[in-house]
Amino acid sequence: MARLTITLSDARYRALKETAARRGKTIGATIEDCLDRAGIKTIASATDLVAQARRQSNLCEAPALALAIKETRAARRRRK
């Protein structure tokens, strides 16, 4: 697993640490959760998501990908 060094304000670090403790998770796991919710995924997991959508909808690849992109964008707009 890769390591990363980031710089946060003291207040942001305390908030992150408190959130992780409240959830019973590590800071790293909390950051991973946030990245997942933000839609930041590996190409492999995005490909799997498209394949799953295609199987469930009986769409071929191009319409399934278009639908996945549309739904992802809509979800991101709702989070703003």
C-alpha atoms as a PDB file:
ATOM      1  CA  MET A   1       0.000   0.000   0.000  1.00  0.00           C
ATOM      2  CA  ALA A   2       1.282   3.456  -0.898  1.00  0.00           C
ATOM      3  CA  ARG A   3       2.039   6.082   1.717  1.00  0.00           C
ATOM      4  CA  LEU A   4       1.133   9.739   1.339  1.00  0.00           C
ATOM      5  CA  THR A   5       2.103  12.824   3.280  1.00  0.00           C
ATOM      6  CA  ILE A   6      -0.343  15.736   3.276  1.00  0.00           C
ATOM      7  CA  THR A   7      -0.464  19.045   5.085  1.00  0.00           C
ATOM      8  CA  LEU A   8      -3.672  19.962   6.914  1.00  0.00           C
ATOM      9  CA  SER A   9      -4.546  22.831   9.182  1.00  0.00           C
ATOM     10  CA  ASP A  10      -4.574  21.895  12.856  1.00  0.00           C
ATOM     11  CA  ALA A  11      -8.344  22.329  12.952  1.00  0.00           C
ATOM     12  CA  ARG A  12      -8.875  20.072   9.916  1.00  0.00           C
ATOM     13  CA  TYR A  13      -6.559  17.413  11.366  1.00  0.00           C
ATOM     14  CA  ARG A  14      -8.435  17.449  14.704  1.00  0.00           C
ATOM     15  CA  ALA A  15     -11.758  17.160  12.880  1.00  0.00           C
ATOM     16  CA  LEU A  16     -10.459  14.231  10.823  1.00  0.00           C
ATOM     17  CA  LYS A  17      -9.062  12.505  13.887  1.00  0.00           C
ATOM     18  CA  GLU A  18     -12.314  13.008  15.845  1.00  0.00           C
ATOM     19  CA  THR A  19     -14.411  11.732  12.933  1.00  0.00           C
ATOM     20  CA  ALA A  20     -12.269   8.618  12.600  1.00  0.00           C
ATOM     21  CA  ALA A  21     -12.517   7.937  16.346  1.00  0.00           C
ATOM     22  CA  ARG A  22     -16.283   8.470  16.343  1.00  0.00           C
ATOM     23  CA  ARG A  23     -16.648   5.968  13.496  1.00  0.00           C
ATOM     24  CA  GLY A  24     -14.234   3.526  15.102  1.00  0.00           C
ATOM     25  CA  LYS A  25     -11.936   3.677  12.065  1.00  0.00           C
ATOM     26  CA  THR A  26      -8.402   4.743  11.330  1.00  0.00           C
ATOM     27  CA  ILE A  27      -7.687   8.096   9.720  1.00  0.00           C
ATOM     28  CA  GLY A  28      -6.594   6.226   6.567  1.00  0.00           C
ATOM     29  CA  ALA A  29      -9.854   4.269   6.412  1.00  0.00           C
ATOM     30  CA  THR A  30     -11.825   7.485   6.933  1.00  0.00           C
ATOM     31  CA  ILE A  31      -9.991   9.145   4.043  1.00  0.00           C
ATOM     32  CA  GLU A  32     -10.587   6.052   1.845  1.00  0.00           C
ATOM     33  CA  ASP A  33     -14.334   6.282   2.634  1.00  0.00           C
ATOM     34  CA  CYS A  34     -14.363   9.970   1.692  1.00  0.00           C
ATOM     35  CA  LEU A  35     -12.583   9.255  -1.596  1.00  0.00           C
ATOM     36  CA  ASP A  36     -15.094   6.527  -2.408  1.00  0.00           C
ATOM     37  CA  ARG A  37     -18.006   8.872  -1.689  1.00  0.00           C
ATOM     38  CA  ALA A  38     -16.387  11.525  -3.876  1.00  0.00           C
ATOM     39  CA  GLY A  39     -16.378   9.055  -6.757  1.00  0.00           C
ATOM     40  CA  ILE A  40     -12.602   8.672  -6.871  1.00  0.00           C
ATOM     41  CA  LYS A  41     -12.160   5.093  -7.996  1.00  0.00           C
ATOM     42  CA  THR A  42      -9.601   2.946  -9.737  1.00  0.00           C
ATOM     43  CA  ILE A  43     -10.150   2.226 -13.406  1.00  0.00           C
ATOM     44  CA  ALA A  44     -10.760  -1.427 -12.498  1.00  0.00           C
ATOM     45  CA  SER A  45     -13.542  -0.598 -10.042  1.00  0.00           C
ATOM     46  CA  ALA A  46     -15.121   1.850 -12.493  1.00  0.00           C
ATOM     47  CA  THR A  47     -15.014  -0.829 -15.201  1.00  0.00           C
ATOM     48  CA  ASP A  48     -16.615  -3.313 -12.809  1.00  0.00           C
ATOM     49  CA  LEU A  49     -19.343  -0.789 -12.030  1.00  0.00           C
ATOM     50  CA  VAL A  50     -20.104  -0.330 -15.720  1.00  0.00           C
ATOM     51  CA  ALA A  51     -20.161  -4.113 -16.262  1.00  0.00           C
ATOM     52  CA  GLN A  52     -22.539  -4.537 -13.327  1.00  0.00           C
ATOM     53  CA  ALA A  53     -24.839  -1.811 -14.656  1.00  0.00           C
ATOM     54  CA  ARG A  54     -24.798  -3.411 -18.102  1.00  0.00           C
ATOM     55  CA  ARG A  55     -25.683  -6.854 -16.718  1.00  0.00           C
ATOM     56  CA  GLN A  56     -28.531  -5.481 -14.648  1.00  0.00           C
ATOM     57  CA  SER A  57     -29.970  -3.308 -17.395  1.00  0.00           C
ATOM     58  CA  ASN A  58     -29.431  -5.614 -20.382  1.00  0.00           C
ATOM     59  CA  LEU A  59     -27.724  -2.726 -22.197  1.00  0.00           C
ATOM     60  CA  CYS A  60     -24.709  -3.157 -24.454  1.00  0.00           C
ATOM     61  CA  GLU A  61     -21.447  -1.411 -23.540  1.00  0.00           C
ATOM     62  CA  ALA A  62     -21.941   2.064 -25.055  1.00  0.00           C
ATOM     63  CA  PRO A  63     -25.423   2.747 -23.597  1.00  0.00           C
ATOM     64  CA  ALA A  64     -24.360   1.268 -20.238  1.00  0.00           C
ATOM     65  CA  LEU A  65     -21.322   3.551 -20.093  1.00  0.00           C
ATOM     66  CA  ALA A  66     -23.403   6.592 -21.041  1.00  0.00           C
ATOM     67  CA  LEU A  67     -25.911   5.760 -18.308  1.00  0.00           C
ATOM     68  CA  ALA A  68     -23.140   5.267 -15.732  1.00  0.00           C
ATOM     69  CA  ILE A  69     -21.607   8.645 -16.589  1.00  0.00           C
ATOM     70  CA  LYS A  70     -25.000  10.355 -16.429  1.00  0.00           C
ATOM     71  CA  GLU A  71     -25.812   8.833 -13.039  1.00  0.00           C
ATOM     72  CA  THR A  72     -22.345   9.608 -11.629  1.00  0.00           C
ATOM     73  CA  ARG A  73     -22.627  13.251 -12.655  1.00  0.00           C
ATOM     74  CA  ALA A  74     -26.112  13.501 -11.183  1.00  0.00           C
ATOM     75  CA  ALA A  75     -24.928  12.012  -7.890  1.00  0.00           C
ATOM     76  CA  ARG A  76     -22.013  14.459  -7.725  1.00  0.00           C
ATOM     77  CA  ARG A  77     -24.329  17.421  -8.379  1.00  0.00           C
ATOM     78  CA  ARG A  78     -26.624  16.292  -5.549  1.00  0.00           C
ATOM     79  CA  ARG A  79     -23.674  16.210  -3.126  1.00  0.00           C
ATOM     80  CA  LYS A  80     -22.663  19.830  -3.799  1.00  0.00           C
END
